[in-house]
Amino acid sequence: MTDVSTFQLALSDARPADRDREGTAMLLHEALARSRQQEAEAAARRHRLARQLSAGRRWALLARYAERRAERARHRLRVV
């Protein structure tokens, strides 16, 4: 019959544990999944910031266009 403590020791060696910032032991695939999720969240934040900046530029461009068009319309009303 197999010794249970030897079997548990063999199992713990087969699954290396990693520690996160809180000191919680995680399995390697859990640490990898957490790392990938954090990278994806960081990429999403960068993408969201880039979209906000480009949207701001588009709105500023549209506002300048609308201002020029309104000025032309005011000028036409005064001339006629």
N, C-alpha and C. Protein backbone atom coordinates (compact mmCIF):
# COMPACT_ATOMS: atom_id res chain seq x y z
N MET A 1 0.85 -1.18 0.00
CA MET A 1 0.00 0.00 0.00
C MET A 1 0.89 1.24 0.00
N THR A 2 0.44 2.30 -0.64
CA THR A 2 1.22 3.51 -0.81
C THR A 2 1.10 4.39 0.43
N ASP A 3 2.20 5.00 0.80
CA ASP A 3 2.18 5.93 1.92
C ASP A 3 1.52 7.24 1.48
N VAL A 4 0.52 7.71 2.19
CA VAL A 4 -0.25 8.89 1.80
C VAL A 4 0.61 10.14 1.84
N SER A 5 1.46 10.29 2.82
CA SER A 5 2.29 11.49 2.92
C SER A 5 3.27 11.58 1.75
N THR A 6 3.78 10.45 1.26
CA THR A 6 4.67 10.45 0.10
C THR A 6 3.90 10.86 -1.15
N PHE A 7 2.65 10.39 -1.26
CA PHE A 7 1.82 10.75 -2.40
C PHE A 7 1.50 12.24 -2.40
N GLN A 8 1.16 12.80 -1.24
CA GLN A 8 0.87 14.23 -1.15
C GLN A 8 2.11 15.06 -1.45
N LEU A 9 3.26 14.61 -1.01
CA LEU A 9 4.51 15.32 -1.29
C LEU A 9 4.79 15.32 -2.79
N ALA A 10 4.54 14.18 -3.44
CA ALA A 10 4.74 14.10 -4.88
C ALA A 10 3.78 15.03 -5.61
N LEU A 11 2.54 15.14 -5.13
CA LEU A 11 1.57 16.04 -5.75
C LEU A 11 1.98 17.50 -5.57
N SER A 12 2.46 17.86 -4.40
CA SER A 12 2.85 19.24 -4.18
C SER A 12 4.07 19.62 -5.01
N ASP A 13 4.95 18.67 -5.31
CA ASP A 13 6.10 18.95 -6.18
C ASP A 13 5.67 19.10 -7.63
N ALA A 14 4.60 18.43 -8.04
CA ALA A 14 4.16 18.46 -9.43
C ALA A 14 3.50 19.80 -9.76
N ARG A 15 2.96 20.47 -8.76
CA ARG A 15 2.28 21.75 -8.99
C ARG A 15 3.03 22.86 -8.24
N PRO A 16 3.92 23.53 -8.93
CA PRO A 16 4.64 24.61 -8.24
C PRO A 16 3.71 25.76 -7.93
N ALA A 17 3.83 26.28 -6.72
CA ALA A 17 2.98 27.39 -6.30
C ALA A 17 3.76 28.69 -6.42
N ASP A 18 3.03 29.72 -6.74
CA ASP A 18 3.60 31.06 -6.83
C ASP A 18 2.87 31.92 -5.82
N ARG A 19 3.53 32.93 -5.30
CA ARG A 19 2.89 33.81 -4.32
C ARG A 19 2.57 35.15 -4.98
N ASP A 20 1.37 35.64 -4.74
CA ASP A 20 1.00 36.95 -5.26
C ASP A 20 1.36 38.02 -4.23
N ARG A 21 0.94 39.26 -4.49
CA ARG A 21 1.30 40.36 -3.59
C ARG A 21 0.76 40.16 -2.19
N GLU A 22 -0.39 39.53 -2.05
CA GLU A 22 -0.97 39.33 -0.72
C GLU A 22 -0.35 38.14 -0.01
N GLY A 23 0.51 37.40 -0.69
CA GLY A 23 1.15 36.24 -0.08
C GLY A 23 0.34 34.97 -0.23
N THR A 24 -0.72 35.01 -1.02
CA THR A 24 -1.56 33.84 -1.23
C THR A 24 -0.87 32.91 -2.23
N ALA A 25 -0.82 31.64 -1.89
CA ALA A 25 -0.20 30.68 -2.80
C ALA A 25 -1.14 30.41 -3.96
N MET A 26 -0.60 30.51 -5.17
CA MET A 26 -1.39 30.24 -6.36
C MET A 26 -0.66 29.19 -7.19
N LEU A 27 -1.42 28.45 -7.93
CA LEU A 27 -0.81 27.53 -8.87
C LEU A 27 -0.27 28.32 -10.05
N LEU A 28 0.65 27.74 -10.77
CA LEU A 28 1.31 28.44 -11.86
C LEU A 28 0.32 28.91 -12.92
N HIS A 29 -0.65 28.06 -13.29
CA HIS A 29 -1.60 28.48 -14.32
C HIS A 29 -2.51 29.60 -13.81
N GLU A 30 -2.79 29.62 -12.49
CA GLU A 30 -3.58 30.72 -11.94
C GLU A 30 -2.79 32.02 -11.99
N ALA A 31 -1.50 31.96 -11.68
CA ALA A 31 -0.66 33.15 -11.74
C ALA A 31 -0.57 33.66 -13.18
N LEU A 32 -0.45 32.75 -14.13
CA LEU A 32 -0.38 33.13 -15.54
C LEU A 32 -1.69 33.76 -15.99
N ALA A 33 -2.80 33.17 -15.57
CA ALA A 33 -4.11 33.72 -15.94
C ALA A 33 -4.29 35.11 -15.34
N ARG A 34 -3.88 35.30 -14.09
CA ARG A 34 -4.00 36.62 -13.47
C ARG A 34 -3.12 37.63 -14.18
N SER A 35 -1.92 37.21 -14.54
CA SER A 35 -1.01 38.11 -15.26
C SER A 35 -1.59 38.51 -16.61
N ARG A 36 -2.13 37.56 -17.34
CA ARG A 36 -2.74 37.87 -18.64
C ARG A 36 -3.95 38.79 -18.48
N GLN A 37 -4.73 38.56 -17.44
CA GLN A 37 -5.90 39.42 -17.22
C GLN A 37 -5.46 40.84 -16.90
N GLN A 38 -4.43 41.00 -16.07
CA GLN A 38 -3.93 42.33 -15.74
C GLN A 38 -3.37 43.02 -16.97
N GLU A 39 -2.67 42.27 -17.83
CA GLU A 39 -2.15 42.85 -19.07
C GLU A 39 -3.29 43.28 -19.99
N ALA A 40 -4.34 42.47 -20.06
CA ALA A 40 -5.49 42.81 -20.90
C ALA A 40 -6.20 44.06 -20.36
N GLU A 41 -6.33 44.17 -19.05
CA GLU A 41 -6.95 45.34 -18.46
C GLU A 41 -6.12 46.60 -18.71
N ALA A 42 -4.79 46.48 -18.62
CA ALA A 42 -3.92 47.63 -18.90
C ALA A 42 -4.03 48.04 -20.36
N ALA A 43 -4.08 47.06 -21.26
CA ALA A 43 -4.23 47.37 -22.69
C ALA A 43 -5.58 48.04 -22.94
N ALA A 44 -6.62 47.60 -22.26
CA ALA A 44 -7.95 48.20 -22.41
C ALA A 44 -7.94 49.65 -21.92
N ARG A 45 -7.23 49.91 -20.80
CA ARG A 45 -7.14 51.30 -20.31
C ARG A 45 -6.42 52.19 -21.32
N ARG A 46 -5.32 51.69 -21.89
CA ARG A 46 -4.59 52.48 -22.89
C ARG A 46 -5.45 52.72 -24.12
N HIS A 47 -6.19 51.72 -24.56
CA HIS A 47 -7.06 51.85 -25.73
C HIS A 47 -8.17 52.87 -25.46
N ARG A 48 -8.75 52.79 -24.25
CA ARG A 48 -9.82 53.72 -23.89
C ARG A 48 -9.30 55.16 -23.87
N LEU A 49 -8.09 55.37 -23.34
CA LEU A 49 -7.51 56.70 -23.30
C LEU A 49 -7.25 57.21 -24.73
N ALA A 50 -6.73 56.35 -25.59
CA ALA A 50 -6.48 56.76 -26.98
C ALA A 50 -7.79 57.13 -27.68
N ARG A 51 -8.85 56.37 -27.43
CA ARG A 51 -10.14 56.68 -28.05
C ARG A 51 -10.70 58.00 -27.53
N GLN A 52 -10.53 58.27 -26.24
CA GLN A 52 -11.01 59.53 -25.67
C GLN A 52 -10.26 60.71 -26.28
N LEU A 53 -8.95 60.56 -26.45
CA LEU A 53 -8.16 61.63 -27.04
C LEU A 53 -8.56 61.89 -28.49
N SER A 54 -8.72 60.81 -29.26
CA SER A 54 -9.10 61.01 -30.66
C SER A 54 -10.52 61.56 -30.77
N ALA A 55 -11.41 61.14 -29.88
CA ALA A 55 -12.78 61.69 -29.90
C ALA A 55 -12.75 63.18 -29.56
N GLY A 56 -11.90 63.56 -28.62
CA GLY A 56 -11.77 64.98 -28.28
C GLY A 56 -11.29 65.80 -29.45
N ARG A 57 -10.32 65.25 -30.19
CA ARG A 57 -9.84 65.96 -31.38
C ARG A 57 -10.94 66.07 -32.44
N ARG A 58 -11.71 65.01 -32.63
CA ARG A 58 -12.81 65.06 -33.60
C ARG A 58 -13.84 66.11 -33.20
N TRP A 59 -14.22 66.16 -31.93
CA TRP A 59 -15.20 67.14 -31.48
C TRP A 59 -14.66 68.56 -31.63
N ALA A 60 -13.38 68.76 -31.35
CA ALA A 60 -12.78 70.10 -31.50
C ALA A 60 -12.80 70.51 -32.97
N LEU A 61 -12.49 69.57 -33.86
CA LEU A 61 -12.52 69.85 -35.29
C LEU A 61 -13.94 70.20 -35.74
N LEU A 62 -14.90 69.45 -35.28
CA LEU A 62 -16.30 69.70 -35.62
C LEU A 62 -16.75 71.07 -35.09
N ALA A 63 -16.32 71.40 -33.88
CA ALA A 63 -16.69 72.70 -33.30
C ALA A 63 -16.10 73.85 -34.11
N ARG A 64 -14.84 73.70 -34.55
CA ARG A 64 -14.25 74.75 -35.40
C ARG A 64 -15.01 74.88 -36.71
N TYR A 65 -15.37 73.78 -37.32
CA TYR A 65 -16.14 73.80 -38.57
C TYR A 65 -17.49 74.50 -38.35
N ALA A 66 -18.17 74.13 -37.26
CA ALA A 66 -19.48 74.72 -36.98
C ALA A 66 -19.35 76.22 -36.73
N GLU A 67 -18.28 76.63 -36.05
CA GLU A 67 -18.08 78.06 -35.79
C GLU A 67 -17.83 78.82 -37.09
N ARG A 68 -17.01 78.27 -37.97
CA ARG A 68 -16.77 78.93 -39.27
C ARG A 68 -18.04 79.02 -40.09
N ARG A 69 -18.83 77.95 -40.08
CA ARG A 69 -20.08 77.95 -40.85
C ARG A 69 -21.07 78.96 -40.28
N ALA A 70 -21.14 79.04 -38.96
CA ALA A 70 -22.04 80.02 -38.33
C ALA A 70 -21.59 81.44 -38.65
N GLU A 71 -20.28 81.68 -38.65
CA GLU A 71 -19.76 83.01 -38.98
C GLU A 71 -20.10 83.39 -40.41
N ARG A 72 -19.97 82.44 -41.34
CA ARG A 72 -20.33 82.71 -42.74
C ARG A 72 -21.82 83.02 -42.86
N ALA A 73 -22.63 82.28 -42.11
CA ALA A 73 -24.07 82.52 -42.17
C ALA A 73 -24.42 83.90 -41.62
N ARG A 74 -23.79 84.30 -40.52
CA ARG A 74 -24.01 85.63 -39.95
C ARG A 74 -23.57 86.70 -40.95
N HIS A 75 -22.44 86.49 -41.60
CA HIS A 75 -21.93 87.44 -42.56
C HIS A 75 -22.89 87.58 -43.73
N ARG A 76 -23.44 86.47 -44.24
CA ARG A 76 -24.39 86.52 -45.35
C ARG A 76 -25.66 87.27 -44.97
N LEU A 77 -26.11 87.12 -43.75
CA LEU A 77 -27.33 87.84 -43.30
C LEU A 77 -27.09 89.33 -43.27
N ARG A 78 -25.90 89.76 -42.89
CA ARG A 78 -25.61 91.19 -42.84
C ARG A 78 -25.47 91.80 -44.22
N VAL A 79 -24.93 91.02 -45.17
CA VAL A 79 -24.67 91.54 -46.53
C VAL A 79 -25.98 91.72 -47.28
N VAL A 80 -26.89 90.80 -47.17
CA VAL A 80 -28.12 90.83 -47.97
C VAL A 80 -29.09 91.82 -47.47
